[in-house]
Protein backbone atom coordinates (compact mmCIF):
# COMPACT_ATOMS: atom_id res chain seq x y z
CA MET A 1 81.15 -195.13 -93.83
CA ASP A 2 79.84 -191.60 -93.06
CA ASN A 3 82.15 -188.73 -93.15
CA LEU A 4 82.56 -188.49 -89.51
CA THR A 5 83.61 -191.86 -89.25
CA ASN A 6 86.22 -191.42 -91.99
CA LYS A 7 87.40 -188.40 -90.09
CA VAL A 8 87.81 -190.18 -86.96
CA ASN A 9 89.84 -193.09 -88.60
CA SER A 10 91.92 -190.89 -91.02
CA ASP A 11 95.58 -190.69 -90.46
CA ALA A 12 96.36 -188.38 -87.55
CA ASP A 13 99.95 -188.19 -87.96
CA GLY A 14 101.24 -184.77 -87.37
CA LYS A 15 98.34 -183.91 -85.47
CA PHE A 16 99.67 -185.21 -82.29
CA PRO A 17 103.05 -185.51 -81.01
CA THR A 18 104.61 -189.18 -80.68
CA ILE A 19 104.87 -190.47 -77.43
CA LYS A 20 108.14 -192.28 -76.90
CA PRO A 21 108.15 -195.95 -75.90
CA LYS A 22 109.68 -195.64 -72.63
CA SER A 23 108.51 -192.19 -71.72
CA THR A 24 106.94 -191.48 -68.35
CA LEU A 25 103.76 -190.47 -70.40
CA ARG A 26 103.78 -194.04 -71.97
CA ILE A 27 104.04 -195.81 -68.77
CA ILE A 28 101.22 -194.03 -67.33
CA ILE A 29 99.15 -194.63 -70.34
CA GLN A 30 99.98 -198.18 -70.46
CA SER A 31 99.22 -198.71 -66.83
CA ILE A 32 95.57 -197.06 -67.07
CA GLN A 33 95.05 -199.43 -69.97
CA ASN A 34 96.26 -202.49 -68.21
CA THR A 35 93.71 -201.53 -65.19
CA TYR A 36 90.61 -202.37 -67.21
CA ALA A 37 90.64 -206.14 -66.80
CA PRO A 38 91.75 -206.28 -62.81
CA PHE A 39 89.34 -203.37 -62.40
CA ILE A 40 86.44 -205.24 -63.86
CA GLU A 41 87.36 -208.29 -62.02
CA ALA A 42 87.36 -206.47 -58.53
CA LEU A 43 83.94 -205.22 -59.21
CA ARG A 44 82.65 -208.54 -60.10
CA CYS A 45 84.09 -209.91 -56.85
CA HIS A 46 83.30 -207.05 -54.73
CA LYS A 47 80.88 -207.32 -51.51
CA ASN A 48 79.08 -204.70 -52.84
CA PRO A 49 77.90 -205.91 -56.27
CA ASN A 50 75.86 -202.56 -57.05
CA LEU A 51 78.70 -199.97 -57.27
CA SER A 52 77.67 -197.44 -59.80
CA SER A 53 78.52 -193.97 -58.70
CA GLU A 54 81.48 -192.24 -60.31
CA LYS A 55 83.25 -191.80 -56.86
CA SER A 56 82.81 -195.39 -56.21
CA LEU A 57 83.93 -196.51 -59.58
CA VAL A 58 87.01 -194.06 -59.58
CA GLN A 59 88.10 -195.26 -55.93
CA GLU A 60 88.04 -199.02 -57.32
CA PHE A 61 89.78 -197.90 -60.46
CA VAL A 62 92.51 -195.95 -58.49
CA ILE A 63 93.12 -198.93 -56.25
CA GLN A 64 93.86 -201.29 -59.23
CA ASN A 65 95.74 -198.73 -61.26
CA ASP A 66 98.07 -198.33 -58.28
CA ILE A 67 99.08 -201.88 -58.68
CA GLN A 68 99.78 -201.75 -62.30
CA LEU A 69 101.75 -198.73 -61.71
CA ARG A 70 103.78 -200.23 -59.47
CA LYS A 71 104.96 -202.90 -62.00
CA TYR A 72 106.35 -200.26 -64.15
CA ILE A 73 107.90 -197.49 -61.95
CA ASN A 74 108.42 -196.76 -58.23
CA SER A 75 108.98 -193.12 -58.79
CA ILE A 76 105.58 -192.11 -59.53
CA ARG A 77 102.14 -192.27 -57.40
CA ILE A 78 98.51 -192.06 -58.07
CA ASP A 79 96.21 -189.64 -56.08
CA LYS A 80 92.65 -189.65 -56.02
CA GLU A 81 90.78 -186.20 -56.05
CA TYR A 82 93.97 -183.98 -56.72
CA THR A 83 93.84 -180.32 -55.65
CA ASP A 84 96.00 -178.14 -57.53
CA ASN A 85 98.43 -176.10 -55.07
CA PHE A 86 100.43 -174.69 -58.13
CA TYR A 87 98.05 -172.75 -60.54
CA LYS A 88 94.99 -172.66 -57.97
CA THR A 89 92.49 -174.12 -60.48
CA LYS A 90 89.11 -174.29 -58.98
CA GLY A 91 88.29 -177.87 -60.36
CA ILE A 92 89.58 -181.33 -58.77
CA PRO A 93 90.25 -183.96 -61.30
CA ASP A 94 89.27 -187.54 -60.32
CA PHE A 95 92.92 -188.58 -60.07
CA ALA A 96 96.49 -187.76 -60.95
CA PHE A 97 99.84 -188.98 -61.20
CA LEU A 98 102.74 -187.32 -59.41
CA PRO A 99 106.36 -187.67 -58.68
CA ILE A 100 107.60 -189.14 -55.56
CA GLU A 101 110.20 -187.30 -53.75
CA GLU A 102 110.85 -186.63 -50.25
CA GLY A 103 110.75 -183.06 -49.14
CA ALA A 104 109.47 -181.85 -52.40
CA SER A 105 106.31 -181.25 -53.96
CA HIS A 106 106.01 -181.32 -57.91
CA GLU A 107 103.13 -180.44 -60.33
CA PRO A 108 101.31 -183.47 -61.61
CA LEU A 109 102.41 -185.42 -64.42
CA PHE A 110 99.04 -186.31 -65.92
CA VAL A 111 95.54 -185.88 -64.53
CA VAL A 112 92.30 -187.63 -65.52
CA GLU A 113 88.70 -186.82 -65.34
CA ALA A 114 86.21 -189.48 -65.08
CA LYS A 115 82.67 -189.60 -66.49
CA ILE A 116 80.06 -192.33 -66.58
CA LEU A 117 78.67 -193.18 -70.14
CA PRO A 118 75.63 -192.56 -70.42
CA ALA A 119 75.28 -189.88 -67.57
CA PRO A 120 73.65 -191.60 -64.52
CA ASP A 121 70.13 -191.54 -64.18
CA ASN A 122 69.46 -190.71 -67.74
CA LYS A 123 68.95 -187.06 -66.89
CA ILE A 124 68.54 -185.14 -70.17
CA HIS A 125 70.39 -182.02 -68.71
CA ARG A 126 73.41 -184.42 -68.03
CA GLU A 127 73.24 -186.47 -71.44
CA LYS A 128 76.45 -184.72 -72.77
CA GLU A 129 78.49 -184.29 -69.58
CA TYR A 130 81.51 -186.18 -71.16
CA VAL A 131 81.84 -183.14 -73.39
CA ILE A 132 79.87 -180.26 -71.77
CA GLY A 133 77.70 -179.82 -68.64
CA SER A 134 75.03 -177.48 -67.47
CA ASN A 135 77.40 -176.03 -64.89
CA LYS A 136 80.64 -175.94 -66.81
CA ASN A 137 81.54 -179.41 -65.44
CA GLY A 138 81.66 -181.19 -68.69
CA GLY A 139 84.60 -183.61 -69.16
CA ILE A 140 86.26 -181.98 -72.27
CA GLU A 141 84.92 -178.68 -71.19
CA ARG A 142 86.79 -178.86 -67.95
CA PHE A 143 90.02 -178.78 -69.82
CA LYS A 144 89.12 -176.22 -72.48
CA ILE A 145 88.34 -173.49 -69.71
CA GLY A 146 91.07 -174.40 -67.39
CA LYS A 147 89.45 -176.01 -64.68
CA HIS A 148 91.66 -179.08 -65.10
CA GLY A 149 95.21 -179.19 -66.83
CA VAL A 150 96.53 -175.69 -66.42
CA GLY A 151 100.36 -175.79 -67.11
CA GLN A 152 100.02 -179.57 -68.81
CA ASN A 153 100.47 -180.53 -72.26
CA ASP A 154 98.60 -183.98 -71.79
CA CYS A 155 95.97 -184.85 -69.62
CA GLY A 156 93.25 -187.86 -69.68
CA LEU A 157 89.41 -188.59 -69.71
CA LEU A 158 88.07 -192.01 -68.39
CA GLY A 159 84.56 -193.11 -69.78
CA PHE A 160 82.98 -195.97 -67.81
CA ILE A 161 80.55 -197.24 -70.59
CA ASN A 162 77.55 -198.63 -68.64
CA ASP A 163 75.03 -199.71 -71.40
CA GLU A 164 75.27 -202.13 -74.44
CA ASN A 165 76.82 -199.71 -76.60
CA THR A 166 80.54 -200.23 -77.94
CA ILE A 167 83.32 -197.88 -77.59
CA ASP A 168 82.99 -197.01 -81.22
CA ASP A 169 79.29 -196.18 -80.78
CA TRP A 170 80.35 -193.77 -77.88
CA ILE A 171 83.29 -192.06 -79.79
CA LYS A 172 80.59 -191.49 -82.72
CA GLN A 173 78.00 -189.92 -80.19
CA ILE A 174 80.60 -187.90 -78.64
CA ASN A 175 82.06 -186.52 -81.86
CA LEU A 176 78.55 -185.69 -83.00
CA TRP A 177 77.91 -183.60 -79.82
CA ILE A 178 81.37 -181.67 -80.56
CA VAL A 179 80.54 -181.32 -84.15
CA ASP A 180 77.09 -179.81 -83.02
CA LEU A 181 78.59 -177.46 -80.58
CA SER A 182 81.26 -176.25 -83.45
CA ARG A 183 78.23 -175.18 -85.39
CA TYR A 184 76.39 -173.28 -82.56
CA LYS A 185 79.16 -172.09 -80.48
CA PRO A 186 82.03 -171.63 -83.22
CA SER A 187 83.95 -169.17 -81.21
CA ILE A 188 84.51 -171.82 -78.18
CA TRP A 189 84.22 -174.99 -80.06
CA SER A 190 85.87 -176.64 -83.14
CA ASP A 191 85.23 -179.80 -85.07
CA GLU A 192 88.87 -180.25 -85.02
CA GLU A 193 88.50 -181.14 -81.50
CA ILE A 194 86.70 -184.44 -82.18
CA LEU A 195 88.14 -187.82 -80.84
CA ARG A 196 90.49 -189.53 -83.35
CA LYS A 197 92.01 -193.11 -83.48
CA ILE A 198 95.50 -193.31 -83.90
CA ASP A 199 96.75 -195.63 -86.77
CA ASN A 200 98.24 -198.92 -85.41
CA SER A 201 97.79 -198.34 -81.74
CA ASN A 202 94.85 -198.37 -79.37
CA GLN A 203 95.33 -194.68 -78.81
CA ILE A 204 92.32 -192.31 -78.93
CA LEU A 205 93.26 -188.72 -78.72
CA SER A 206 91.73 -185.22 -79.36
CA ILE A 207 93.08 -181.66 -79.05
CA ALA A 208 91.11 -179.37 -76.60
CA LYS A 209 91.53 -175.98 -77.86
CA ARG A 210 91.94 -172.96 -75.00
CA GLN A 211 91.99 -169.16 -75.28
CA SER A 212 95.57 -168.94 -75.67
CA ASP A 213 96.99 -172.74 -76.11
CA HIS A 214 95.66 -176.39 -76.22
CA VAL A 215 95.89 -179.59 -74.63
CA TYR A 216 96.20 -182.98 -75.87
CA LEU A 217 93.37 -185.37 -74.29
CA HIS A 218 93.87 -188.98 -74.13
CA HIS A 219 90.52 -190.89 -73.89
CA PHE A 220 90.16 -194.12 -72.18
CA PHE A 221 87.04 -196.29 -72.30
CA CYS A 222 86.22 -199.23 -69.98
CA LYS A 223 83.04 -200.95 -70.27
CA ILE A 224 81.47 -201.98 -66.88
CA THR A 225 78.20 -203.05 -68.13
CA LYS A 226 76.65 -206.71 -67.18
CA HIS A 227 74.85 -206.80 -70.57
């Protein structure tokens, strides 16, 4: 086992706050994880068997996640392509979870950015888009620079895996990109931002460091490949 793998699997206690079992954050995370199977089934039965764009996959995922969310709680909704009316951030996350209250508007409880792995069309300039993009549109990058997640402590990234690689394979690749960035751009990136598996759970977490603070990123991976 190499040093990076050891670091990923090392005890992460103390690095990330504990999520209480019945908290709103735990309910949201559980609803996302419970969406994988019905989402894959919806794709399998869909009239269009070739859904492959990020936008179309997100739409189908949000539809199925809404069903799972309603099983747990009625005071939260999921919205696709959330526009931030509070901090005026320029980025539009793929979906967000918000409180339901008549006559009132609330900041989102949790926002999620989605990426396809590998990047669509196998374009070299998009290869590392889960982490960093050519137009400051990388998944993790968006949270680091404040395009997404301003005012929030926890946010999410959803990776649709569309090849034969396993989740562990992709975690290793993503972490190699982060470590590489930490060597060439140490003022912006740190190897402490790698993805880590939390012991005795199915959680995958990382810390995205920003100029004056940080945000905890919860990583979700769903295999959509037909291999």
